[in-house]
Amino acid sequence: MINLPSEIATSVGMFALGLVQALILLLLAPLFSGISRMIRARVQSRRGPGILQDYRDIFKLMKRQNILPDNSGAVSKTMPYVLISTVLVIAMSLPMFTLASPFGTAGDLITAIYLFALFRFFFSIAGLDSNSTFSSLGASREVTLGVLVEPTLMLSLLIIALIAGSTNFGLISTALATKSWVAPVATIVALIACGFAVFIEMGKIPFDLAEAEQELQEGPLTEYSGPALALIKVGISLKAVIVASIFVGVLLPFGAAQELTLSAVIFGAICFFIKLLIVFVLACVFENTLSRTRFMMTGRITVIGFGISVLAFVFYLIGL
């Protein structure tokens, strides 16, 4: 009973850290989206919008009126809030600044996979709920892309969880940071497969172009406007940041704080955002080296990533 107050203080501190890092990512998500758009414009020899353009768009949309079709149901009305809430819960649970997961209950790989599935499900079903042919087409493509990419992401992360001996994000990051890798070849190959899936989930060319209204991520949003559209755009940007955060925070945990002290957490936060910025810049530069492809060709590309994850599983089974 003597250690109870310190345990409570640590638990409260970690929960507060989870809230803080989720709010920081929520505020910075449009900034990272603006950086991506700026880099894309510079590579294509265009001036393009400024890095703060997404903030301007969001503020403009927040001042407008919500307009939904008369035949839309409750799913269309609740979808923006579901998107924001699911990604915020994942953001609270990820070990970004520290090796431990701030929100231990939700800081599990299986929980995060289901939350991402809930995000995609509501995003897609809202396109069907509007009874718009164009929105329904975008929703069907979004579901198809999820079926193609999610097996690669899940298998690669599960292989790393098997190597670490736990599906908890904090224990995975601690194992990768402090222990010698049991199966180094399998770990490296699984990281490559996970990076491939993360690139797709970030909405990059040739799989998507998030700022084009006729593309996958924008198709289901045809019938949205005003604050609802602003929340959805923030949710999409935040999802891209969180997916990248899983890669740099959980799988590349160097620099993260091992103890819950102010100096260690600040240093861990600086290292985290440097890694996150590097990943965004590399992803943006790499996507501009690729050409657009027909959507029906997507399966032929994603099968490469799934093959790499299967190869990582084989290496794990044979102990490499």
Protein backbone atom coordinates (compact mmCIF):
# COMPACT_ATOMS: atom_id res chain seq x y z
CA MET A 1 0.00 0.00 0.00
CA ILE A 2 3.00 2.31 0.44
CA ASN A 3 3.72 2.36 -3.29
CA LEU A 4 0.11 3.09 -4.21
CA PRO A 5 0.40 6.91 -4.36
CA SER A 6 3.46 6.79 -6.66
CA GLU A 7 1.74 4.24 -8.91
CA ILE A 8 -1.35 6.45 -9.14
CA ALA A 9 0.81 9.49 -9.90
CA THR A 10 2.61 7.59 -12.66
CA SER A 11 -0.68 6.37 -14.12
CA VAL A 12 -2.17 9.88 -14.08
CA GLY A 13 1.01 11.29 -15.60
CA MET A 14 1.00 8.76 -18.44
CA PHE A 15 -2.70 9.37 -19.13
CA ALA A 16 -2.05 13.13 -19.23
CA LEU A 17 0.86 12.51 -21.59
CA GLY A 18 -1.44 10.52 -23.86
CA LEU A 19 -3.93 13.38 -23.98
CA VAL A 20 -1.20 15.92 -24.66
CA GLN A 21 0.38 13.96 -27.51
CA ALA A 22 -3.04 13.31 -29.08
CA LEU A 23 -3.89 17.02 -28.97
CA ILE A 24 -0.48 17.95 -30.39
CA LEU A 25 -0.95 15.59 -33.31
CA LEU A 26 -4.49 16.91 -33.84
CA LEU A 27 -3.14 20.45 -34.09
CA LEU A 28 -0.17 19.52 -36.29
CA ALA A 29 -1.97 17.15 -38.69
CA PRO A 30 -2.99 19.96 -41.12
CA LEU A 31 0.60 21.26 -40.97
CA PHE A 32 2.05 17.93 -42.09
CA SER A 33 -0.59 17.75 -44.81
CA GLY A 34 0.46 21.24 -45.94
CA ILE A 35 4.13 20.20 -45.97
CA SER A 36 3.24 17.24 -48.18
CA ARG A 37 1.35 19.47 -50.62
CA MET A 38 4.18 22.00 -50.68
CA ILE A 39 6.82 19.34 -51.42
CA ARG A 40 4.64 17.85 -54.15
CA ALA A 41 4.29 21.26 -55.76
CA ARG A 42 8.02 22.01 -55.57
CA VAL A 43 8.98 18.66 -57.10
CA GLN A 44 6.50 19.33 -59.92
CA SER A 45 7.98 22.82 -60.47
CA ARG A 46 4.83 24.55 -59.22
CA ARG A 47 4.45 27.23 -56.61
CA GLY A 48 1.55 25.47 -54.95
CA PRO A 49 -0.22 26.41 -51.71
CA GLY A 50 1.57 27.41 -48.54
CA ILE A 51 2.09 24.97 -45.71
CA LEU A 52 -0.69 26.68 -43.71
CA GLN A 53 -3.29 26.36 -46.48
CA ASP A 54 -5.01 23.41 -44.78
CA TYR A 55 -5.62 25.54 -41.69
CA ARG A 56 -7.18 28.24 -43.85
CA ASP A 57 -9.42 25.68 -45.56
CA ILE A 58 -10.54 24.24 -42.23
CA PHE A 59 -11.33 27.66 -40.73
CA LYS A 60 -13.26 28.57 -43.87
CA LEU A 61 -15.30 25.36 -43.75
CA MET A 62 -16.06 25.82 -40.04
CA LYS A 63 -17.85 29.09 -40.87
CA ARG A 64 -20.14 27.48 -43.43
CA GLN A 65 -23.38 25.59 -43.05
CA ASN A 66 -23.67 21.81 -42.86
CA ILE A 67 -25.59 20.52 -45.85
CA LEU A 68 -26.51 16.84 -46.24
CA PRO A 69 -28.91 15.12 -48.65
CA ASP A 70 -32.48 14.72 -47.43
CA ASN A 71 -32.25 10.93 -47.71
CA SER A 72 -29.05 10.62 -45.69
CA GLY A 73 -29.27 8.77 -42.39
CA ALA A 74 -27.60 8.79 -39.00
CA VAL A 75 -24.40 7.26 -40.37
CA SER A 76 -23.66 10.31 -42.50
CA LYS A 77 -24.20 12.62 -39.53
CA THR A 78 -22.07 10.65 -37.05
CA MET A 79 -19.25 9.66 -39.40
CA PRO A 80 -17.07 12.80 -38.87
CA TYR A 81 -17.14 12.33 -35.10
CA VAL A 82 -16.36 8.62 -35.36
CA LEU A 83 -13.36 9.37 -37.58
CA ILE A 84 -11.93 11.94 -35.17
CA SER A 85 -12.57 9.85 -32.05
CA THR A 86 -11.03 6.62 -33.39
CA VAL A 87 -7.79 8.22 -34.53
CA LEU A 88 -7.52 10.25 -31.31
CA VAL A 89 -7.79 7.07 -29.21
CA ILE A 90 -5.01 5.50 -31.25
CA ALA A 91 -2.93 8.68 -30.87
CA MET A 92 -3.35 8.50 -27.10
CA SER A 93 -2.20 4.89 -26.98
CA LEU A 94 0.96 5.08 -29.10
CA PRO A 95 4.40 5.26 -27.44
CA MET A 96 5.63 8.38 -29.23
CA PHE A 97 7.65 10.35 -26.70
CA THR A 98 8.28 7.44 -24.31
CA LEU A 99 8.92 3.72 -24.74
CA ALA A 100 5.86 2.89 -22.66
CA SER A 101 2.33 3.28 -23.97
CA PRO A 102 0.61 6.24 -22.23
CA PHE A 103 -2.85 4.67 -22.53
CA GLY A 104 -2.15 1.03 -21.75
CA THR A 105 -5.71 -0.23 -22.14
CA ALA A 106 -5.91 0.79 -25.81
CA GLY A 107 -2.18 0.55 -26.48
CA ASP A 108 -2.50 -2.84 -28.11
CA LEU A 109 -1.91 -3.83 -31.71
CA ILE A 110 -5.19 -5.73 -32.00
CA THR A 111 -7.15 -2.77 -30.62
CA ALA A 112 -5.49 -0.37 -33.07
CA ILE A 113 -6.25 -2.67 -36.02
CA TYR A 114 -9.93 -2.76 -35.06
CA LEU A 115 -10.03 1.02 -34.62
CA PHE A 116 -8.51 1.51 -38.07
CA ALA A 117 -11.09 -0.92 -39.45
CA LEU A 118 -13.84 1.08 -37.72
CA PHE A 119 -12.45 4.26 -39.32
CA ARG A 120 -12.52 2.73 -42.80
CA PHE A 121 -15.93 1.10 -42.26
CA PHE A 122 -17.69 4.34 -41.27
CA PHE A 123 -15.87 6.31 -43.94
CA SER A 124 -17.03 3.87 -46.62
CA ILE A 125 -20.55 3.25 -45.36
CA ALA A 126 -21.20 7.00 -45.20
CA GLY A 127 -20.64 7.17 -48.96
CA LEU A 128 -23.31 4.53 -49.45
CA ASP A 129 -25.65 6.19 -46.94
CA SER A 130 -25.83 9.36 -49.03
CA ASN A 131 -27.33 7.41 -51.96
CA SER A 132 -25.04 9.27 -54.32
CA THR A 133 -23.65 7.22 -57.21
CA PHE A 134 -20.36 9.10 -57.16
CA SER A 135 -19.98 8.70 -53.38
CA SER A 136 -20.83 5.01 -53.62
CA LEU A 137 -18.10 4.51 -56.23
CA GLY A 138 -15.53 6.18 -53.98
CA ALA A 139 -16.73 4.08 -51.01
CA SER A 140 -16.36 0.83 -52.95
CA ARG A 141 -12.85 1.79 -54.01
CA GLU A 142 -11.92 2.67 -50.43
CA VAL A 143 -13.11 -0.74 -49.23
CA THR A 144 -11.21 -2.46 -52.03
CA LEU A 145 -8.02 -0.64 -51.11
CA GLY A 146 -8.48 -1.66 -47.47
CA VAL A 147 -8.86 -5.31 -48.44
CA LEU A 148 -5.65 -5.07 -50.47
CA VAL A 149 -3.42 -3.25 -47.99
CA GLU A 150 -4.62 -4.24 -44.52
CA PRO A 151 -3.38 -7.88 -44.70
CA THR A 152 0.14 -6.59 -45.36
CA LEU A 153 -0.02 -4.14 -42.47
CA MET A 154 -1.51 -6.68 -40.04
CA LEU A 155 0.86 -9.52 -40.96
CA SER A 156 3.99 -7.38 -40.76
CA LEU A 157 2.99 -5.93 -37.38
CA LEU A 158 2.01 -9.34 -36.02
CA ILE A 159 5.40 -10.76 -37.02
CA ILE A 160 7.12 -7.98 -35.08
CA ALA A 161 4.74 -8.65 -32.16
CA LEU A 162 5.67 -12.34 -32.23
CA ILE A 163 9.35 -11.43 -32.18
CA ALA A 164 8.81 -8.97 -29.30
CA GLY A 165 6.62 -11.47 -27.43
CA SER A 166 3.66 -9.12 -27.00
CA THR A 167 1.04 -7.19 -28.96
CA ASN A 168 1.31 -4.20 -26.60
CA PHE A 169 2.79 -1.17 -28.38
CA GLY A 170 4.89 -0.20 -25.37
CA LEU A 171 6.41 -3.66 -24.99
CA ILE A 172 7.09 -3.85 -28.74
CA SER A 173 8.92 -0.51 -28.77
CA THR A 174 10.84 -1.44 -25.62
CA ALA A 175 11.89 -4.77 -27.13
CA LEU A 176 13.06 -3.13 -30.34
CA ALA A 177 14.94 -0.42 -28.44
CA THR A 178 16.55 -2.29 -25.56
CA LYS A 179 16.84 -5.97 -26.49
CA SER A 180 18.90 -7.78 -29.08
CA TRP A 181 16.69 -8.83 -31.96
CA VAL A 182 15.88 -12.53 -31.83
CA ALA A 183 15.25 -12.75 -35.57
CA PRO A 184 17.03 -9.76 -37.16
CA VAL A 185 16.39 -10.73 -40.80
CA ALA A 186 12.69 -11.34 -40.18
CA THR A 187 12.45 -8.04 -38.28
CA ILE A 188 14.09 -6.01 -41.04
CA VAL A 189 11.95 -7.60 -43.76
CA ALA A 190 8.80 -7.05 -41.66
CA LEU A 191 9.78 -3.39 -41.22
CA ILE A 192 10.10 -3.04 -44.99
CA ALA A 193 6.65 -4.61 -45.52
CA CYS A 194 5.16 -2.37 -42.82
CA GLY A 195 6.75 0.70 -44.42
CA PHE A 196 5.17 -0.30 -47.75
CA ALA A 197 1.72 -0.55 -46.11
CA VAL A 198 2.21 2.73 -44.22
CA PHE A 199 3.03 4.50 -47.50
CA ILE A 200 -0.28 3.31 -48.95
CA GLU A 201 -2.30 4.20 -45.84
CA MET A 202 -0.87 7.73 -45.95
CA GLY A 203 -2.77 8.24 -49.23
CA LYS A 204 0.15 8.62 -51.59
CA ILE A 205 0.46 8.27 -55.37
CA PRO A 206 -0.10 5.91 -57.17
CA PHE A 207 -2.66 4.59 -54.70
CA ASP A 208 -4.42 7.86 -53.94
CA LEU A 209 -4.29 11.62 -54.16
CA ALA A 210 -6.17 12.89 -51.14
CA GLU A 211 -6.70 16.45 -52.41
CA ALA A 212 -8.51 15.41 -55.63
CA GLU A 213 -12.29 15.20 -55.32
CA GLN A 214 -12.55 12.32 -57.79
CA GLU A 215 -10.15 10.07 -55.92
CA LEU A 216 -10.57 7.41 -53.25
CA GLN A 217 -10.37 9.40 -50.05
CA GLU A 218 -12.50 12.26 -51.37
CA GLY A 219 -15.14 10.30 -53.29
CA PRO A 220 -17.35 9.51 -50.27
CA LEU A 221 -17.18 13.18 -49.23
CA THR A 222 -19.07 14.55 -52.23
CA GLU A 223 -22.19 15.29 -50.20
CA TYR A 224 -20.41 16.89 -47.24
CA SER A 225 -19.80 20.57 -46.56
CA GLY A 226 -19.19 22.96 -43.72
CA PRO A 227 -17.91 21.86 -40.28
CA ALA A 228 -18.58 18.19 -41.02
CA LEU A 229 -16.25 18.31 -44.04
CA ALA A 230 -13.66 20.18 -41.95
CA LEU A 231 -13.72 17.45 -39.29
CA ILE A 232 -13.37 14.74 -41.93
CA LYS A 233 -10.41 16.48 -43.54
CA VAL A 234 -8.74 16.79 -40.14
CA GLY A 235 -9.47 13.12 -39.47
CA ILE A 236 -7.93 12.03 -42.77
CA SER A 237 -4.83 14.14 -42.19
CA LEU A 238 -4.57 12.87 -38.62
CA LYS A 239 -4.84 9.26 -39.77
CA ALA A 240 -1.88 9.76 -42.13
CA VAL A 241 0.15 11.25 -39.25
CA ILE A 242 -0.81 8.44 -36.86
CA VAL A 243 0.02 5.69 -39.35
CA ALA A 244 3.44 7.28 -39.84
CA SER A 245 3.72 7.65 -36.04
CA ILE A 246 3.27 3.90 -35.61
CA PHE A 247 6.24 3.36 -37.89
CA VAL A 248 8.57 5.93 -36.29
CA GLY A 249 7.31 5.68 -32.70
CA VAL A 250 6.75 1.95 -32.23
CA LEU A 251 9.04 0.36 -34.82
CA LEU A 252 11.86 2.95 -34.76
CA PRO A 253 11.84 3.91 -31.08
CA PHE A 254 15.36 5.32 -30.75
CA GLY A 255 15.43 8.58 -28.81
CA ALA A 256 12.23 7.84 -26.87
CA ALA A 257 12.26 8.46 -23.12
CA GLN A 258 12.81 5.43 -20.93
CA GLU A 259 11.75 7.29 -17.78
CA LEU A 260 8.85 9.65 -17.14
CA THR A 261 10.88 12.78 -16.47
CA LEU A 262 10.32 16.17 -18.06
CA SER A 263 13.73 16.40 -19.72
CA ALA A 264 13.55 12.84 -21.08
CA VAL A 265 10.01 13.36 -22.43
CA ILE A 266 10.97 16.66 -24.11
CA PHE A 267 14.01 15.04 -25.72
CA GLY A 268 11.85 12.10 -26.82
CA ALA A 269 9.29 14.49 -28.31
CA ILE A 270 11.98 16.33 -30.29
CA CYS A 271 13.38 13.04 -31.63
CA PHE A 272 9.89 11.83 -32.50
CA PHE A 273 8.94 14.89 -34.54
CA ILE A 274 12.28 14.88 -36.35
CA LYS A 275 11.70 11.25 -37.35
CA LEU A 276 8.11 11.98 -38.32
CA LEU A 277 9.14 14.92 -40.49
CA ILE A 278 11.83 12.84 -42.20
CA VAL A 279 9.32 10.08 -42.97
CA PHE A 280 6.83 12.58 -44.43
CA VAL A 281 9.50 14.25 -46.57
CA LEU A 282 10.82 10.91 -47.86
CA ALA A 283 7.30 9.65 -48.60
CA CYS A 284 6.44 12.85 -50.49
CA VAL A 285 9.65 12.80 -52.52
CA PHE A 286 9.24 9.10 -53.32
CA GLU A 287 5.61 9.43 -54.39
CA ASN A 288 6.59 12.09 -56.93
CA THR A 289 8.94 9.63 -58.60
CA LEU A 290 5.94 7.40 -59.38
CA SER A 291 3.33 7.76 -62.09
CA ARG A 292 -0.42 7.47 -61.73
CA THR A 293 -1.87 4.06 -62.50
CA ARG A 294 -5.34 2.69 -63.10
CA PHE A 295 -7.10 1.66 -59.91
CA MET A 296 -7.55 -1.89 -61.18
CA MET A 297 -3.74 -2.21 -61.25
CA THR A 298 -3.51 -1.55 -57.52
CA GLY A 299 -3.83 -5.22 -56.62
CA ARG A 300 -0.77 -6.09 -58.68
CA ILE A 301 1.28 -3.60 -56.70
CA THR A 302 -0.02 -4.41 -53.22
CA VAL A 303 0.67 -8.11 -53.73
CA ILE A 304 4.38 -7.21 -53.67
CA GLY A 305 4.06 -5.84 -50.14
CA PHE A 306 2.07 -8.88 -49.02
CA GLY A 307 4.72 -11.15 -50.52
CA ILE A 308 7.41 -9.31 -48.52
CA SER A 309 5.41 -9.77 -45.31
CA VAL A 310 4.96 -13.48 -46.05
CA LEU A 311 8.71 -13.72 -46.63
CA ALA A 312 9.28 -12.09 -43.23
CA PHE A 313 7.00 -14.71 -41.65
CA VAL A 314 9.00 -17.49 -43.29
CA PHE A 315 12.23 -15.99 -41.96
CA TYR A 316 10.64 -15.85 -38.49
CA LEU A 317 9.63 -19.52 -38.65
CA ILE A 318 13.13 -20.66 -39.57
CA GLY A 319 14.69 -18.39 -36.93
CA LEU A 320 16.55 -15.90 -39.12
